[in-house]
Amino acid sequence: MTITSIPDPVAAAHALRPQIVAAREEIDASRRLPPALVAAMAKANLFQLYVPASMGGPETDPIIAFYAVEEISIADGSAGWCCFVSSGVSAYAGWVPPSLGRELFGNPPDLRIAGSFRPQGTARAVDGGYRVDGRWDFASGINHANWLFFNCIVLDEKGPRLSKDGSPISRMMILPVGQAAVHDNWSVMGLRGTGSNDFSVDDRFVPEERTFVLFSAPLETGPLFNPRASMVTTWTLLAANALGMARGAMQAFLHLANNYDSPTTPTLLRDRAPVQEVIGEAEAIISCARAYTLDAVGKTWAAICERKADPGPEILQGRLAVTHAVRESIRAIDLLYHGAGSGAVRERNDLERYFRDIHTAVQHIGGLPSNYQYGGQVLLGLPPGASGW
């Protein structure tokens, strides 16, 4: 089932690749996406692929969204990461009434999101809403974002509100970026251009209607907003980012192998048996991980579109496939990086950028090996140690 209303987001993403490649040095040096690139990506809806159709958004299915993010990520990991994060979170516009969404985000919408799902702030309940304070980190794309979606522990006159199991209750807040302070502290090894700075909010009022509870029942009824499958549909774009970087690294390696020798021998890299083996193995790794991801996500999507009573087996495979894609992308890029020898360290060959970026991307929760543990718990018939399985 395909519900996208964008004429062709994949073609739009592919068409932007030359512009992204030309801007890569600026992206790294400035630690943000250039304004002209942001404008072009926003025009192509690449920051809001999951915004509901009821708000004028594309409501793109996760397979098409995968292809679009992959295209951007082949050109540059940071640009692809920003596309992944904002588009993935844009699905949560489905927890906002459509009329309010059109009022807040525009009609047609222009929704460029940064924020955090971690409850690192507090929201004190007051008449009509909440007074919010706190500081959050890793707000990817905040330099070009126009809205913040972020999580807070809810307080009342007695302190933190508690759920039935005694854990604190949290709510997501939606706030214009201009009402927060951005802290320029993104000094990192990889994904430099994401500008994933901290932000803080100081006693800001957020109306009740601009808040929601993560993984609660959405207001939208389409399959894209199914809370049970939300980690698959959102993190599919993480897999696309990682696999896109792996494909970009392969292209950089092939260029290097066909054009460069080494300080110790005039023989081109392509003519050396160990290099040929590296290329073959890396290609198999990338292609297998990509095939597993598309198959597992496709089956998850079909299960939720068909409203299968228990999509658990499909969600299990989707979650595992995402983590596998990220970790296999690292394995492929590591093979290529070391197979290229000393030439890999030079910025002119591009390979080192993919190496830096993928080793930063894997720190995302969706790429952590603990996801294998949770999947194993499900397969063993044990209760998983995390939600969404």
Protein backbone atom coordinates (compact mmCIF):
# COMPACT_ATOMS: atom_id res chain seq x y z
CA MET A 1 0.00 0.00 0.00
CA THR A 2 1.47 3.36 -1.04
CA ILE A 3 -0.11 6.51 0.34
CA THR A 4 2.43 9.11 -0.70
CA SER A 5 1.16 12.25 -2.41
CA ILE A 6 4.60 13.55 -3.38
CA PRO A 7 5.05 13.13 -7.15
CA ASP A 8 8.43 11.47 -6.64
CA PRO A 9 10.42 12.21 -3.46
CA VAL A 10 13.13 9.76 -4.49
CA ALA A 11 13.74 11.60 -7.76
CA ALA A 12 13.78 14.90 -5.86
CA ALA A 13 16.38 13.52 -3.44
CA HIS A 14 18.49 12.13 -6.28
CA ALA A 15 18.40 15.46 -8.10
CA LEU A 16 19.79 17.20 -5.00
CA ARG A 17 22.86 15.00 -4.75
CA PRO A 18 25.17 17.23 -6.87
CA GLN A 19 24.23 20.26 -4.76
CA ILE A 20 24.90 18.30 -1.58
CA VAL A 21 28.26 16.99 -2.79
CA ALA A 22 29.31 20.53 -3.75
CA ALA A 23 28.44 21.72 -0.24
CA ARG A 24 30.12 18.94 1.77
CA GLU A 25 33.15 20.95 2.88
CA GLU A 26 30.91 23.83 3.95
CA ILE A 27 28.63 21.40 5.78
CA ASP A 28 31.53 20.00 7.80
CA ALA A 29 33.20 23.35 8.45
CA SER A 30 30.06 25.27 9.48
CA ARG A 31 28.55 22.29 11.38
CA ARG A 32 25.16 22.85 9.77
CA LEU A 33 23.41 22.55 6.43
CA PRO A 34 23.76 25.64 4.19
CA PRO A 35 20.59 27.75 3.89
CA ALA A 36 20.31 27.14 0.14
CA LEU A 37 20.40 23.38 0.67
CA VAL A 38 17.87 23.59 3.51
CA ALA A 39 15.52 25.53 1.25
CA ALA A 40 15.88 22.99 -1.55
CA MET A 41 15.30 20.02 0.76
CA ALA A 42 12.32 21.72 2.40
CA LYS A 43 10.79 22.47 -1.01
CA ALA A 44 11.08 18.76 -1.84
CA ASN A 45 9.35 17.83 1.47
CA LEU A 46 12.47 15.94 2.60
CA PHE A 47 12.20 17.17 6.19
CA GLN A 48 8.54 16.16 6.53
CA LEU A 49 8.01 12.90 4.64
CA TYR A 50 5.64 11.56 7.32
CA VAL A 51 3.41 14.62 7.87
CA PRO A 52 -0.28 13.53 7.64
CA ALA A 53 -2.16 14.10 4.41
CA SER A 54 -4.93 15.73 6.49
CA MET A 55 -2.48 18.60 7.11
CA GLY A 56 -1.44 18.78 3.47
CA GLY A 57 1.63 16.63 4.10
CA PRO A 58 3.02 13.82 1.96
CA GLU A 59 2.29 10.94 4.42
CA THR A 60 4.92 8.93 2.56
CA ASP A 61 5.07 5.19 3.14
CA PRO A 62 8.28 3.96 4.83
CA ILE A 63 9.68 2.17 1.78
CA ILE A 64 9.56 5.26 -0.43
CA ALA A 65 10.87 7.33 2.49
CA PHE A 66 13.74 4.84 2.83
CA TYR A 67 14.75 5.35 -0.80
CA ALA A 68 14.62 9.14 -0.44
CA VAL A 69 16.78 9.25 2.71
CA GLU A 70 19.18 6.74 1.18
CA GLU A 71 19.67 8.98 -1.87
CA ILE A 72 20.52 11.99 0.29
CA SER A 73 22.84 9.92 2.52
CA ILE A 74 24.85 8.60 -0.42
CA ALA A 75 25.88 12.21 -1.04
CA ASP A 76 26.44 13.19 2.60
CA GLY A 77 25.76 11.51 5.93
CA SER A 78 24.87 14.72 7.77
CA ALA A 79 22.31 15.82 5.18
CA GLY A 80 20.79 12.34 5.22
CA TRP A 81 20.72 12.32 9.02
CA CYS A 82 18.82 15.60 9.14
CA CYS A 83 16.37 14.23 6.59
CA PHE A 84 15.92 11.06 8.67
CA VAL A 85 15.43 12.79 12.03
CA SER A 86 13.00 15.49 10.97
CA SER A 87 10.98 13.22 8.67
CA GLY A 88 10.84 10.43 11.24
CA VAL A 89 9.61 12.74 14.00
CA SER A 90 7.17 14.40 11.59
CA ALA A 91 4.96 11.31 11.96
CA TYR A 92 4.12 12.60 15.43
CA ALA A 93 2.18 15.43 13.85
CA GLY A 94 -0.41 12.66 13.73
CA TRP A 95 -1.00 13.21 17.45
CA VAL A 96 -2.12 16.80 16.78
CA PRO A 97 -5.63 17.73 15.53
CA PRO A 98 -5.44 18.35 11.75
CA SER A 99 -6.89 21.84 12.05
CA LEU A 100 -4.28 22.77 14.66
CA GLY A 101 -1.53 21.22 12.56
CA ARG A 102 -2.50 23.34 9.57
CA GLU A 103 -2.55 26.41 11.82
CA LEU A 104 0.85 25.71 13.38
CA PHE A 105 2.81 24.26 10.49
CA GLY A 106 1.26 26.10 7.55
CA ASN A 107 -0.90 24.96 4.66
CA PRO A 108 0.91 23.52 2.77
CA PRO A 109 3.05 22.60 5.76
CA ASP A 110 6.66 23.63 6.31
CA LEU A 111 7.69 21.45 9.23
CA ARG A 112 11.40 21.16 10.06
CA ILE A 113 11.72 19.43 13.42
CA ALA A 114 14.45 19.14 16.04
CA GLY A 115 14.11 17.96 19.62
CA SER A 116 14.42 14.98 21.92
CA PHE A 117 12.31 12.05 23.11
CA ARG A 118 14.25 11.88 26.36
CA PRO A 119 12.42 13.55 29.28
CA GLN A 120 15.23 15.91 30.25
CA GLY A 121 12.97 18.76 31.34
CA THR A 122 9.89 19.39 33.45
CA ALA A 123 6.40 20.55 32.57
CA ARG A 124 4.48 22.07 35.48
CA ALA A 125 0.73 21.74 34.99
CA VAL A 126 -1.11 25.07 34.99
CA ASP A 127 -4.47 26.26 33.69
CA GLY A 128 -4.68 25.47 29.98
CA GLY A 129 -1.29 23.81 29.65
CA TYR A 130 2.20 23.60 31.11
CA ARG A 131 5.12 25.81 32.16
CA VAL A 132 8.24 24.17 30.76
CA ASP A 133 11.87 24.26 31.89
CA GLY A 134 14.89 22.17 31.01
CA ARG A 135 17.82 21.47 28.74
CA TRP A 136 18.03 18.79 26.06
CA ASP A 137 20.95 17.54 23.98
CA PHE A 138 21.47 16.03 20.50
CA ALA A 139 18.88 18.25 18.78
CA SER A 140 19.89 17.37 15.23
CA GLY A 141 19.10 20.04 12.65
CA ILE A 142 18.17 22.67 15.22
CA ASN A 143 19.96 25.39 13.22
CA HIS A 144 17.47 25.06 10.38
CA ALA A 145 14.48 23.72 12.35
CA ASN A 146 11.35 25.78 12.93
CA TRP A 147 9.63 23.54 15.53
CA LEU A 148 10.80 21.59 18.57
CA PHE A 149 9.21 18.31 19.70
CA PHE A 150 10.60 17.37 23.13
CA ASN A 151 9.72 15.30 26.18
CA CYS A 152 9.17 16.48 29.77
CA ILE A 153 8.34 14.96 33.15
CA VAL A 154 4.95 16.30 34.20
CA LEU A 155 4.75 18.01 37.60
CA ASP A 156 1.80 19.13 39.71
CA GLU A 157 1.60 20.63 43.19
CA LYS A 158 2.65 17.26 44.69
CA GLY A 159 5.68 16.78 42.44
CA PRO A 160 6.08 14.39 39.48
CA ARG A 161 2.87 12.73 38.33
CA LEU A 162 3.22 8.96 38.51
CA SER A 163 1.72 6.17 36.43
CA LYS A 164 0.16 3.05 37.95
CA ASP A 165 3.55 1.33 38.07
CA GLY A 166 5.09 4.26 39.94
CA SER A 167 7.12 5.65 37.05
CA PRO A 168 7.02 9.39 36.21
CA ILE A 169 4.57 10.45 33.52
CA SER A 170 6.00 12.42 30.62
CA ARG A 171 4.48 14.42 27.78
CA MET A 172 5.84 15.63 24.47
CA MET A 173 5.78 19.40 23.99
CA ILE A 174 5.59 21.29 20.69
CA LEU A 175 7.26 24.70 20.75
CA PRO A 176 8.59 27.12 18.11
CA VAL A 177 12.38 27.03 17.93
CA GLY A 178 12.50 30.77 18.54
CA GLN A 179 11.21 30.25 22.08
CA ALA A 180 14.24 28.16 23.06
CA ALA A 181 17.92 29.00 23.53
CA VAL A 182 20.31 27.07 21.28
CA HIS A 183 23.72 26.20 22.77
CA ASP A 184 26.44 25.90 20.14
CA ASN A 185 28.30 22.88 21.53
CA TRP A 186 28.33 20.39 18.64
CA SER A 187 32.08 19.66 18.39
CA VAL A 188 32.36 16.03 17.33
CA MET A 189 34.14 13.45 15.19
CA GLY A 190 31.40 12.68 12.68
CA LEU A 191 28.03 13.90 11.42
CA ARG A 192 29.41 17.38 12.01
CA GLY A 193 26.94 19.03 9.66
CA THR A 194 23.90 17.91 11.65
CA GLY A 195 24.45 20.74 14.14
CA SER A 196 23.09 18.53 16.92
CA ASN A 197 23.41 21.20 19.58
CA ASP A 198 21.80 21.44 23.01
CA PHE A 199 18.77 23.66 23.56
CA SER A 200 17.12 24.94 26.70
CA VAL A 201 13.68 26.27 27.58
CA ASP A 202 13.13 28.67 30.47
CA ASP A 203 9.62 28.89 31.93
CA ARG A 204 7.77 28.81 28.60
CA PHE A 205 4.02 28.17 28.41
CA VAL A 206 2.88 25.33 26.14
CA PRO A 207 -0.90 24.97 25.60
CA GLU A 208 -2.41 21.57 26.37
CA GLU A 209 -3.41 21.01 22.74
CA ARG A 210 0.25 21.24 21.71
CA THR A 211 1.22 18.27 23.89
CA PHE A 212 0.79 14.50 23.64
CA VAL A 213 1.94 11.25 25.23
CA LEU A 214 4.44 9.14 23.30
CA PHE A 215 3.04 5.83 22.03
CA SER A 216 -0.51 6.75 23.03
CA ALA A 217 -3.36 6.41 20.54
CA PRO A 218 -2.88 8.95 17.71
CA LEU A 219 -5.58 11.17 16.28
CA GLU A 220 -4.70 10.01 12.75
CA THR A 221 -5.96 6.56 11.78
CA GLY A 222 -3.60 5.72 8.92
CA PRO A 223 -1.08 2.88 9.22
CA LEU A 224 1.87 5.28 9.32
CA PHE A 225 0.72 6.42 12.78
CA ASN A 226 0.34 2.97 14.34
CA PRO A 227 2.09 3.40 17.73
CA ARG A 228 2.99 -0.28 17.97
CA ALA A 229 5.04 -0.07 14.77
CA SER A 230 6.34 3.46 15.26
CA MET A 231 9.92 2.42 15.99
CA VAL A 232 10.03 0.45 12.74
CA THR A 233 8.58 3.21 10.56
CA THR A 234 10.74 5.88 12.20
CA TRP A 235 13.99 3.93 12.41
CA THR A 236 13.68 2.61 8.87
CA LEU A 237 15.07 6.02 7.95
CA LEU A 238 18.04 5.44 10.28
CA ALA A 239 18.79 2.26 8.32
CA ALA A 240 18.47 4.22 5.08
CA ASN A 241 20.95 6.80 6.34
CA ALA A 242 23.50 4.14 7.32
CA LEU A 243 23.12 2.11 4.13
CA GLY A 244 23.28 5.28 2.03
CA MET A 245 26.59 6.16 3.68
CA ALA A 246 27.85 2.64 3.03
CA ARG A 247 26.94 2.99 -0.65
CA GLY A 248 28.63 6.39 -0.78
CA ALA A 249 31.75 4.87 0.79
CA MET A 250 31.73 2.11 -1.82
CA GLN A 251 31.56 4.70 -4.60
CA ALA A 252 34.44 6.64 -3.01
CA PHE A 253 36.49 3.46 -2.70
CA LEU A 254 35.91 2.48 -6.33
CA HIS A 255 37.08 5.91 -7.45
CA LEU A 256 40.16 5.61 -5.27
CA ALA A 257 40.91 2.07 -6.45
CA ASN A 258 40.65 3.04 -10.12
CA ASN A 259 42.77 6.18 -9.88
CA TYR A 260 45.41 5.86 -7.17
CA ASP A 261 48.44 3.73 -6.39
CA SER A 262 50.39 3.95 -3.11
CA PRO A 263 53.71 5.35 -1.90
CA THR A 264 55.31 1.89 -2.13
CA THR A 265 54.08 0.59 -5.50
CA PRO A 266 52.80 2.07 -8.77
CA THR A 267 50.19 -0.68 -9.10
CA LEU A 268 46.66 0.68 -8.94
CA LEU A 269 44.61 -0.54 -6.00
CA ARG A 270 42.12 -2.19 -8.36
CA ASP A 271 44.79 -4.57 -9.64
CA ARG A 272 45.57 -6.04 -6.22
CA ALA A 273 43.86 -9.27 -5.19
CA PRO A 274 43.27 -8.24 -1.53
CA VAL A 275 41.54 -5.03 -2.69
CA GLN A 276 39.35 -6.98 -5.11
CA GLU A 277 38.35 -9.26 -2.23
CA VAL A 278 37.48 -6.28 -0.04
CA ILE A 279 35.24 -4.79 -2.72
CA GLY A 280 33.40 -8.06 -3.23
CA GLU A 281 32.87 -8.67 0.46
CA ALA A 282 31.75 -5.11 1.18
CA GLU A 283 29.28 -5.20 -1.70
CA ALA A 284 27.78 -8.43 -0.38
CA ILE A 285 27.47 -6.96 3.13
CA ILE A 286 25.74 -3.79 1.94
CA SER A 287 23.40 -5.55 -0.47
CA CYS A 288 22.39 -8.25 2.03
CA ALA A 289 21.67 -5.76 4.81
CA ARG A 290 19.66 -3.59 2.44
CA ALA A 291 17.64 -6.54 1.16
CA TYR A 292 16.82 -7.70 4.69
CA THR A 293 15.75 -4.19 5.68
CA LEU A 294 13.47 -3.66 2.69
CA ASP A 295 11.95 -7.13 3.06
CA ALA A 296 11.34 -6.86 6.82
CA VAL A 297 10.04 -3.28 6.70
CA GLY A 298 7.85 -4.12 3.72
CA LYS A 299 6.28 -7.01 5.62
CA THR A 300 5.77 -4.86 8.71
CA TRP A 301 4.12 -2.19 6.58
CA ALA A 302 1.85 -4.76 4.94
CA ALA A 303 0.86 -6.18 8.34
CA ILE A 304 -0.17 -2.81 9.76
CA CYS A 305 -1.90 -1.75 6.54
CA GLU A 306 -3.93 -4.96 6.66
CA ARG A 307 -4.58 -4.33 10.38
CA LYS A 308 -3.21 -7.74 11.32
CA ALA A 309 -4.36 -8.69 14.82
CA ASP A 310 -0.80 -9.33 16.01
CA PRO A 311 1.93 -7.74 13.88
CA GLY A 312 4.51 -8.69 16.52
CA PRO A 313 6.51 -11.13 14.35
CA GLU A 314 6.81 -8.56 11.57
CA ILE A 315 7.75 -5.78 14.00
CA LEU A 316 10.41 -8.04 15.51
CA GLN A 317 12.02 -8.57 12.11
CA GLY A 318 11.72 -4.88 11.24
CA ARG A 319 13.44 -3.79 14.45
CA LEU A 320 16.21 -6.37 14.03
CA ALA A 321 16.71 -5.43 10.38
CA VAL A 322 17.24 -1.75 11.25
CA THR A 323 19.90 -2.49 13.86
CA HIS A 324 21.51 -5.05 11.55
CA ALA A 325 21.63 -2.48 8.71
CA VAL A 326 23.41 0.09 10.86
CA ARG A 327 25.96 -2.33 12.25
CA GLU A 328 26.61 -4.01 8.89
CA SER A 329 27.12 -0.59 7.31
CA ILE A 330 29.93 -0.02 9.80
CA ARG A 331 31.44 -3.39 8.93
CA ALA A 332 31.38 -2.61 5.21
CA ILE A 333 32.83 0.89 5.62
CA ASP A 334 35.54 -0.40 7.94
CA LEU A 335 36.54 -2.98 5.34
CA LEU A 336 36.74 -0.31 2.66
CA TYR A 337 38.59 2.16 4.85
CA HIS A 338 41.29 -0.30 5.86
CA GLY A 339 41.42 -1.82 2.37
CA ALA A 340 42.27 1.59 0.92
CA GLY A 341 45.44 1.84 2.98
CA SER A 342 47.02 5.20 3.78
CA GLY A 343 45.02 6.94 1.06
CA ALA A 344 41.85 6.52 3.11
CA VAL A 345 42.89 9.16 5.63
CA ARG A 346 42.98 12.00 3.10
CA GLU A 347 39.91 14.22 2.93
CA ARG A 348 40.20 14.54 -0.85
CA ASN A 349 39.20 10.88 -1.20
CA ASP A 350 35.90 11.28 0.72
CA LEU A 351 36.19 7.84 2.30
CA GLU A 352 37.30 9.26 5.64
CA ARG A 353 34.12 11.34 5.93
CA TYR A 354 31.89 8.27 5.59
CA PHE A 355 34.12 6.48 8.13
CA ARG A 356 33.71 9.31 10.67
CA ASP A 357 30.02 9.72 10.04
CA ILE A 358 29.01 6.05 10.33
CA HIS A 359 30.95 5.66 13.57
CA THR A 360 28.93 8.54 14.98
CA ALA A 361 25.59 7.34 13.59
CA VAL A 362 25.89 3.93 15.27
CA GLN A 363 25.59 5.60 18.69
CA HIS A 364 21.89 6.19 17.96
CA ILE A 365 19.67 3.97 20.09
CA GLY A 366 18.35 2.23 16.98
CA GLY A 367 21.85 0.97 16.16
CA LEU A 368 22.83 -0.30 19.60
CA PRO A 369 23.47 -4.05 20.09
CA SER A 370 20.97 -4.05 22.99
CA ASN A 371 18.29 -4.23 20.29
CA TYR A 372 19.54 -7.72 19.47
CA GLN A 373 19.10 -8.64 23.13
CA TYR A 374 15.52 -7.37 23.17
CA GLY A 375 14.76 -9.27 19.99
CA GLY A 376 16.29 -12.39 21.51
CA GLN A 377 14.07 -12.02 24.55
CA VAL A 378 11.00 -11.95 22.32
CA LEU A 379 12.15 -15.01 20.38
CA LEU A 380 12.72 -16.84 23.67
CA GLY A 381 9.21 -16.01 24.87
CA LEU A 382 10.45 -13.60 27.51
CA PRO A 383 9.10 -10.08 28.09
CA PRO A 384 11.32 -7.64 26.15
CA GLY A 385 13.34 -5.12 28.09
CA ALA A 386 12.11 -2.23 25.93
CA SER A 387 8.82 -0.98 24.51
CA GLY A 388 7.71 -1.33 20.93
CA TRP A 389 8.38 -5.04 20.42
